[in-house]
């Protein structure tokens, strides 16, 4: 249950994210989740989109540096302690989290996780009955 995430390197200039959003929207590509990390010179926009391959191609046409990586999407109740329980499972199995981001909808939290060991993470979470979402399920919410 892996999901393809795109990482786009953006100059730290006004309007760069707007341009990406317009390019993807114009191509009929929906963004369901994103996060931006930045420093003084550039930012990294990480996105979950409806069509990662098409998004990569379209953005590269506009000369954006784009890479794809696999991530895991966990669904849990949006209530106190739910995230702590999931993180404890991963910590107990010595899984390192490189980064993560989350959003909530309709009483549930959706957590995008980039661990150091994807296969082990999927197995451990599945064995512990943690619900993992596939990309198509993410766009049906």
N, C-alpha and C. Protein backbone atom coordinates (compact mmCIF):
# COMPACT_ATOMS: atom_id res chain seq x y z
N UNK A 1 0.83 -1.19 0.00
CA UNK A 1 0.00 0.00 0.00
C UNK A 1 0.87 1.25 0.00
N UNK A 2 1.62 1.42 -1.04
CA UNK A 2 2.47 2.59 -1.16
C UNK A 2 1.81 3.62 -2.06
N UNK A 3 2.11 4.86 -1.78
CA UNK A 3 1.59 5.98 -2.55
C UNK A 3 2.77 6.76 -3.10
N UNK A 4 2.68 7.19 -4.35
CA UNK A 4 3.74 7.99 -4.94
C UNK A 4 3.57 9.44 -4.54
N UNK A 5 4.62 10.00 -4.01
CA UNK A 5 4.66 11.40 -3.63
C UNK A 5 5.65 12.11 -4.54
N UNK A 6 5.32 13.30 -4.97
CA UNK A 6 6.24 14.10 -5.76
C UNK A 6 6.92 15.13 -4.87
N UNK A 7 8.18 15.37 -5.14
CA UNK A 7 8.93 16.44 -4.48
C UNK A 7 9.39 17.39 -5.57
N UNK A 8 9.05 18.65 -5.40
CA UNK A 8 9.37 19.67 -6.39
C UNK A 8 10.25 20.72 -5.71
N UNK A 9 11.37 21.02 -6.34
CA UNK A 9 12.28 22.02 -5.81
C UNK A 9 11.87 23.38 -6.38
N UNK A 10 11.62 24.31 -5.47
CA UNK A 10 11.15 25.64 -5.87
C UNK A 10 12.12 26.70 -5.39
N UNK A 11 12.39 27.66 -6.27
CA UNK A 11 13.13 28.83 -5.82
C UNK A 11 12.27 29.53 -4.77
N UNK A 12 12.92 30.11 -3.80
CA UNK A 12 12.20 30.79 -2.74
C UNK A 12 11.83 32.20 -3.22
N UNK A 13 10.85 32.23 -4.16
CA UNK A 13 10.40 33.48 -4.76
C UNK A 13 8.87 33.53 -4.73
N UNK A 14 8.36 34.72 -4.61
CA UNK A 14 6.91 34.93 -4.60
C UNK A 14 6.29 34.37 -5.88
N UNK A 15 5.18 33.63 -5.71
CA UNK A 15 4.43 33.14 -6.86
C UNK A 15 4.81 31.77 -7.38
N UNK A 16 5.86 31.17 -6.84
CA UNK A 16 6.31 29.87 -7.36
C UNK A 16 5.29 28.77 -7.08
N UNK A 17 4.74 28.72 -5.86
CA UNK A 17 3.73 27.72 -5.55
C UNK A 17 2.46 27.97 -6.37
N UNK A 18 2.12 29.23 -6.54
CA UNK A 18 0.95 29.58 -7.36
C UNK A 18 1.11 29.03 -8.77
N UNK A 19 2.28 29.17 -9.32
CA UNK A 19 2.55 28.68 -10.67
C UNK A 19 2.38 27.16 -10.75
N UNK A 20 2.91 26.44 -9.78
CA UNK A 20 2.77 24.98 -9.74
C UNK A 20 1.29 24.60 -9.66
N UNK A 21 0.55 25.27 -8.79
CA UNK A 21 -0.88 24.98 -8.64
C UNK A 21 -1.63 25.22 -9.94
N UNK A 22 -1.29 26.29 -10.64
CA UNK A 22 -1.94 26.60 -11.92
C UNK A 22 -1.59 25.56 -12.98
N UNK A 23 -0.34 25.16 -13.02
CA UNK A 23 0.10 24.15 -14.01
C UNK A 23 -0.65 22.84 -13.78
N UNK A 24 -0.69 22.39 -12.53
CA UNK A 24 -1.36 21.12 -12.23
C UNK A 24 -2.86 21.24 -12.47
N UNK A 25 -3.46 22.32 -12.04
CA UNK A 25 -4.89 22.51 -12.25
C UNK A 25 -5.24 22.56 -13.72
N UNK A 26 -4.43 23.24 -14.50
CA UNK A 26 -4.64 23.32 -15.95
C UNK A 26 -4.53 21.97 -16.64
N UNK A 27 -3.76 21.08 -16.03
CA UNK A 27 -3.57 19.74 -16.60
C UNK A 27 -4.61 18.75 -16.06
N UNK A 28 -5.53 19.25 -15.22
CA UNK A 28 -6.57 18.37 -14.67
C UNK A 28 -6.08 17.47 -13.56
N UNK A 29 -5.02 17.86 -12.89
CA UNK A 29 -4.42 17.05 -11.82
C UNK A 29 -4.83 17.64 -10.48
N UNK A 30 -5.38 16.80 -9.62
CA UNK A 30 -5.84 17.24 -8.31
C UNK A 30 -4.77 16.99 -7.26
N UNK A 31 -4.58 17.96 -6.36
CA UNK A 31 -3.68 17.81 -5.22
C UNK A 31 -4.54 17.45 -4.02
N UNK A 32 -4.21 16.37 -3.35
CA UNK A 32 -4.98 15.99 -2.16
C UNK A 32 -4.25 16.30 -0.86
N UNK A 33 -2.93 16.36 -0.90
CA UNK A 33 -2.15 16.69 0.29
C UNK A 33 -0.83 17.30 -0.15
N UNK A 34 -0.32 18.21 0.65
CA UNK A 34 0.99 18.77 0.36
C UNK A 34 1.59 19.38 1.61
N UNK A 35 2.89 19.56 1.56
CA UNK A 35 3.63 20.26 2.60
C UNK A 35 4.79 20.98 1.93
N UNK A 36 5.22 22.06 2.54
CA UNK A 36 6.35 22.82 2.01
C UNK A 36 7.40 22.95 3.12
N UNK A 37 8.62 22.60 2.78
CA UNK A 37 9.76 22.83 3.66
C UNK A 37 10.65 23.84 2.95
N UNK A 38 11.20 24.78 3.69
CA UNK A 38 11.97 25.82 3.01
C UNK A 38 13.19 26.23 3.79
N UNK A 39 14.13 26.82 3.06
CA UNK A 39 15.24 27.52 3.68
C UNK A 39 15.35 28.86 2.96
N UNK A 40 16.42 29.56 3.11
CA UNK A 40 16.50 30.91 2.54
C UNK A 40 16.58 30.92 1.01
N UNK A 41 17.05 29.85 0.40
CA UNK A 41 17.24 29.84 -1.05
C UNK A 41 16.18 29.08 -1.84
N UNK A 42 15.67 28.01 -1.28
CA UNK A 42 14.71 27.19 -2.02
C UNK A 42 13.77 26.49 -1.07
N UNK A 43 12.71 25.94 -1.64
CA UNK A 43 11.76 25.15 -0.87
C UNK A 43 11.55 23.81 -1.55
N UNK A 44 11.07 22.87 -0.78
CA UNK A 44 10.70 21.57 -1.33
C UNK A 44 9.20 21.42 -1.09
N UNK A 45 8.48 21.32 -2.18
CA UNK A 45 7.04 21.10 -2.14
C UNK A 45 6.82 19.60 -2.31
N UNK A 46 6.24 18.97 -1.31
CA UNK A 46 5.92 17.55 -1.39
C UNK A 46 4.42 17.43 -1.60
N UNK A 47 4.02 16.65 -2.60
CA UNK A 47 2.62 16.57 -3.01
C UNK A 47 2.15 15.14 -3.20
N UNK A 48 0.89 14.92 -2.88
CA UNK A 48 0.19 13.71 -3.28
C UNK A 48 -0.83 14.19 -4.31
N UNK A 49 -0.75 13.66 -5.52
CA UNK A 49 -1.61 14.11 -6.61
C UNK A 49 -2.35 12.94 -7.24
N UNK A 50 -3.39 13.28 -8.00
CA UNK A 50 -4.24 12.26 -8.61
C UNK A 50 -3.54 11.46 -9.71
N UNK A 51 -2.57 12.06 -10.38
CA UNK A 51 -1.86 11.38 -11.46
C UNK A 51 -0.38 11.76 -11.41
N UNK A 52 0.40 11.05 -10.59
CA UNK A 52 1.81 11.44 -10.39
C UNK A 52 2.65 11.43 -11.67
N UNK A 53 2.44 10.46 -12.54
CA UNK A 53 3.24 10.40 -13.77
C UNK A 53 2.97 11.59 -14.67
N UNK A 54 1.70 11.89 -14.86
CA UNK A 54 1.33 13.05 -15.69
C UNK A 54 1.84 14.34 -15.05
N UNK A 55 1.72 14.45 -13.73
CA UNK A 55 2.20 15.65 -13.02
C UNK A 55 3.70 15.82 -13.22
N UNK A 56 4.45 14.74 -13.09
CA UNK A 56 5.90 14.81 -13.31
C UNK A 56 6.21 15.31 -14.71
N UNK A 57 5.54 14.74 -15.70
CA UNK A 57 5.80 15.13 -17.09
C UNK A 57 5.47 16.60 -17.34
N UNK A 58 4.30 17.02 -16.86
CA UNK A 58 3.86 18.40 -17.08
C UNK A 58 4.80 19.38 -16.39
N UNK A 59 5.16 19.10 -15.14
CA UNK A 59 6.05 20.02 -14.42
C UNK A 59 7.44 20.07 -15.04
N UNK A 60 7.92 18.96 -15.53
CA UNK A 60 9.23 18.95 -16.18
C UNK A 60 9.20 19.75 -17.49
N UNK A 61 8.05 19.76 -18.16
CA UNK A 61 7.91 20.60 -19.36
C UNK A 61 8.14 22.08 -19.01
N UNK A 62 7.77 22.45 -17.79
CA UNK A 62 7.96 23.83 -17.32
C UNK A 62 9.29 23.99 -16.59
N UNK A 63 10.16 23.02 -16.72
CA UNK A 63 11.52 23.04 -16.19
C UNK A 63 11.62 23.01 -14.66
N UNK A 64 10.66 22.36 -14.03
CA UNK A 64 10.75 22.13 -12.59
C UNK A 64 11.54 20.85 -12.34
N UNK A 65 12.35 20.87 -11.29
CA UNK A 65 13.04 19.66 -10.86
C UNK A 65 12.05 18.87 -9.99
N UNK A 66 11.68 17.69 -10.47
CA UNK A 66 10.67 16.87 -9.81
C UNK A 66 11.21 15.47 -9.59
N UNK A 67 10.99 14.94 -8.40
CA UNK A 67 11.34 13.55 -8.14
C UNK A 67 10.14 12.85 -7.51
N UNK A 68 10.12 11.54 -7.64
CA UNK A 68 9.03 10.74 -7.07
C UNK A 68 9.62 9.80 -6.04
N UNK A 69 8.86 9.60 -4.97
CA UNK A 69 9.26 8.66 -3.93
C UNK A 69 8.00 8.02 -3.37
N UNK A 70 8.16 6.85 -2.81
CA UNK A 70 7.01 6.17 -2.21
C UNK A 70 6.88 6.56 -0.73
N UNK A 71 5.64 6.69 -0.31
CA UNK A 71 5.30 6.97 1.08
C UNK A 71 4.16 6.06 1.48
N UNK A 72 3.84 6.07 2.76
CA UNK A 72 2.74 5.28 3.31
C UNK A 72 1.69 6.26 3.83
N UNK A 73 0.42 5.94 3.60
CA UNK A 73 -0.66 6.75 4.15
C UNK A 73 -1.43 5.91 5.16
N UNK A 74 -1.45 6.39 6.39
CA UNK A 74 -2.11 5.72 7.50
C UNK A 74 -3.40 6.47 7.80
N UNK A 75 -4.46 5.72 8.04
CA UNK A 75 -5.72 6.32 8.47
C UNK A 75 -5.96 5.93 9.93
N UNK A 76 -6.33 6.92 10.73
CA UNK A 76 -6.64 6.64 12.13
C UNK A 76 -7.76 7.56 12.58
N UNK A 77 -8.38 7.24 13.71
CA UNK A 77 -9.38 8.16 14.24
C UNK A 77 -8.73 9.50 14.57
N UNK A 78 -9.44 10.58 14.39
CA UNK A 78 -8.93 11.90 14.72
C UNK A 78 -9.29 12.20 16.17
N UNK A 79 -8.52 11.56 17.07
CA UNK A 79 -8.79 11.73 18.49
C UNK A 79 -7.47 11.68 19.25
N UNK A 80 -7.45 12.25 20.45
CA UNK A 80 -6.21 12.27 21.23
C UNK A 80 -5.66 10.86 21.46
N UNK A 81 -4.36 10.73 21.25
CA UNK A 81 -3.68 9.46 21.51
C UNK A 81 -3.58 8.53 20.32
N UNK A 82 -4.37 8.76 19.26
CA UNK A 82 -4.35 7.84 18.11
C UNK A 82 -3.00 7.87 17.41
N UNK A 83 -2.46 9.05 17.19
CA UNK A 83 -1.16 9.16 16.53
C UNK A 83 -0.06 8.58 17.42
N UNK A 84 -0.14 8.83 18.70
CA UNK A 84 0.86 8.30 19.63
C UNK A 84 0.90 6.78 19.58
N UNK A 85 -0.25 6.15 19.46
CA UNK A 85 -0.30 4.68 19.40
C UNK A 85 0.41 4.17 18.14
N UNK A 86 0.15 4.83 17.02
CA UNK A 86 0.79 4.42 15.76
C UNK A 86 2.30 4.66 15.82
N UNK A 87 2.70 5.81 16.33
CA UNK A 87 4.12 6.11 16.41
C UNK A 87 4.84 5.15 17.37
N UNK A 88 4.16 4.74 18.43
CA UNK A 88 4.76 3.78 19.37
C UNK A 88 5.03 2.45 18.70
N UNK A 89 4.11 2.02 17.85
CA UNK A 89 4.32 0.77 17.11
C UNK A 89 5.59 0.88 16.27
N UNK A 90 5.75 1.98 15.56
CA UNK A 90 6.92 2.17 14.70
C UNK A 90 8.20 2.30 15.52
N UNK A 91 8.14 3.04 16.61
CA UNK A 91 9.31 3.21 17.47
C UNK A 91 9.75 1.88 18.07
N UNK A 92 8.77 1.09 18.54
CA UNK A 92 9.08 -0.21 19.13
C UNK A 92 9.75 -1.14 18.12
N UNK A 93 9.47 -0.94 16.84
CA UNK A 93 10.08 -1.77 15.79
C UNK A 93 11.33 -1.13 15.19
N UNK A 94 11.80 -0.05 15.83
CA UNK A 94 13.03 0.64 15.42
C UNK A 94 12.94 1.20 13.99
N UNK A 95 11.78 1.72 13.64
CA UNK A 95 11.59 2.35 12.33
C UNK A 95 11.76 3.84 12.49
N UNK A 96 12.64 4.40 11.69
CA UNK A 96 12.93 5.83 11.73
C UNK A 96 12.03 6.56 10.74
N UNK A 97 11.45 7.66 11.15
CA UNK A 97 10.60 8.47 10.29
C UNK A 97 11.43 9.64 9.77
N UNK A 98 11.62 9.69 8.44
CA UNK A 98 12.37 10.79 7.84
C UNK A 98 11.55 12.08 7.89
N UNK A 99 10.27 11.98 7.57
CA UNK A 99 9.34 13.09 7.70
C UNK A 99 7.93 12.57 7.59
N UNK A 100 6.98 13.40 7.99
CA UNK A 100 5.57 13.05 7.85
C UNK A 100 4.75 14.34 7.87
N UNK A 101 3.54 14.23 7.37
CA UNK A 101 2.59 15.32 7.43
C UNK A 101 1.20 14.71 7.47
N UNK A 102 0.23 15.49 7.91
CA UNK A 102 -1.09 14.92 8.13
C UNK A 102 -2.18 15.94 7.85
N UNK A 103 -3.38 15.43 7.67
CA UNK A 103 -4.57 16.25 7.58
C UNK A 103 -5.72 15.43 8.09
N UNK A 104 -6.82 16.09 8.41
CA UNK A 104 -7.97 15.34 8.92
C UNK A 104 -9.22 15.71 8.14
N UNK A 105 -10.13 14.75 8.07
CA UNK A 105 -11.40 14.95 7.39
C UNK A 105 -12.41 13.97 7.94
N UNK A 106 -13.61 14.41 8.13
CA UNK A 106 -14.71 13.54 8.55
C UNK A 106 -14.37 12.66 9.75
N UNK A 107 -13.72 13.22 10.76
CA UNK A 107 -13.44 12.48 11.98
C UNK A 107 -12.28 11.50 11.90
N UNK A 108 -11.53 11.55 10.82
CA UNK A 108 -10.38 10.65 10.71
C UNK A 108 -9.14 11.45 10.30
N UNK A 109 -8.02 10.99 10.77
CA UNK A 109 -6.74 11.61 10.43
C UNK A 109 -6.06 10.76 9.36
N UNK A 110 -5.46 11.42 8.41
CA UNK A 110 -4.69 10.77 7.37
C UNK A 110 -3.25 11.26 7.49
N UNK A 111 -2.34 10.33 7.68
CA UNK A 111 -0.96 10.66 7.98
C UNK A 111 -0.07 10.09 6.88
N UNK A 112 0.65 10.97 6.22
CA UNK A 112 1.61 10.56 5.19
C UNK A 112 2.95 10.39 5.89
N UNK A 113 3.56 9.22 5.74
CA UNK A 113 4.80 8.89 6.43
C UNK A 113 5.86 8.46 5.42
N UNK A 114 7.05 9.04 5.56
CA UNK A 114 8.21 8.59 4.80
C UNK A 114 9.19 7.97 5.80
N UNK A 115 9.14 6.62 5.94
CA UNK A 115 10.04 5.94 6.86
C UNK A 115 11.35 5.54 6.17
N UNK A 116 12.29 5.10 6.95
CA UNK A 116 13.55 4.64 6.38
C UNK A 116 13.43 3.25 5.75
N UNK A 117 12.43 2.48 6.12
CA UNK A 117 12.24 1.14 5.59
C UNK A 117 10.75 0.95 5.26
N UNK A 118 10.41 1.16 3.99
CA UNK A 118 9.00 1.10 3.58
C UNK A 118 8.39 -0.28 3.76
N UNK A 119 9.08 -1.31 3.31
CA UNK A 119 8.53 -2.66 3.38
C UNK A 119 8.27 -3.08 4.83
N UNK A 120 9.23 -2.82 5.70
CA UNK A 120 9.07 -3.16 7.12
C UNK A 120 7.92 -2.37 7.73
N UNK A 121 7.81 -1.10 7.37
CA UNK A 121 6.74 -0.25 7.90
C UNK A 121 5.37 -0.78 7.51
N UNK A 122 5.20 -1.12 6.24
CA UNK A 122 3.92 -1.66 5.78
C UNK A 122 3.58 -2.94 6.53
N UNK A 123 4.56 -3.83 6.66
CA UNK A 123 4.32 -5.10 7.35
C UNK A 123 3.96 -4.88 8.82
N UNK A 124 4.73 -4.06 9.51
CA UNK A 124 4.50 -3.82 10.94
C UNK A 124 3.13 -3.18 11.16
N UNK A 125 2.80 -2.18 10.37
CA UNK A 125 1.50 -1.52 10.54
C UNK A 125 0.35 -2.48 10.21
N UNK A 126 0.50 -3.23 9.14
CA UNK A 126 -0.54 -4.20 8.77
C UNK A 126 -0.71 -5.26 9.84
N UNK A 127 0.40 -5.78 10.35
CA UNK A 127 0.34 -6.80 11.42
C UNK A 127 -0.35 -6.27 12.67
N UNK A 128 -0.26 -4.96 12.88
CA UNK A 128 -0.87 -4.34 14.05
C UNK A 128 -2.25 -3.74 13.74
N UNK A 129 -2.81 -4.14 12.60
CA UNK A 129 -4.18 -3.74 12.23
C UNK A 129 -4.35 -2.23 12.07
N UNK A 130 -3.27 -1.54 11.69
CA UNK A 130 -3.34 -0.11 11.38
C UNK A 130 -3.77 0.00 9.92
N UNK A 131 -4.77 0.82 9.66
CA UNK A 131 -5.33 0.92 8.31
C UNK A 131 -4.43 1.76 7.40
N UNK A 132 -4.01 1.15 6.29
CA UNK A 132 -3.21 1.82 5.28
C UNK A 132 -4.10 2.10 4.07
N UNK A 133 -3.92 3.25 3.47
CA UNK A 133 -4.72 3.60 2.29
C UNK A 133 -3.88 3.53 1.03
N UNK A 134 -4.51 3.10 -0.04
CA UNK A 134 -3.90 3.14 -1.36
C UNK A 134 -4.23 4.49 -1.99
N UNK A 135 -3.50 4.85 -3.03
CA UNK A 135 -3.68 6.16 -3.67
C UNK A 135 -5.12 6.38 -4.12
N UNK A 136 -5.75 5.38 -4.74
CA UNK A 136 -7.12 5.57 -5.22
C UNK A 136 -8.10 5.79 -4.09
N UNK A 137 -7.83 5.22 -2.92
CA UNK A 137 -8.70 5.43 -1.77
C UNK A 137 -8.59 6.86 -1.23
N UNK A 138 -7.41 7.43 -1.35
CA UNK A 138 -7.18 8.78 -0.87
C UNK A 138 -8.02 9.79 -1.62
N UNK A 139 -8.26 9.55 -2.89
CA UNK A 139 -9.02 10.50 -3.70
C UNK A 139 -10.51 10.25 -3.66
N UNK A 140 -10.94 9.25 -2.91
CA UNK A 140 -12.38 8.96 -2.77
C UNK A 140 -12.95 9.50 -1.47
N UNK A 141 -12.11 10.14 -0.67
CA UNK A 141 -12.56 10.63 0.64
C UNK A 141 -13.42 11.86 0.52
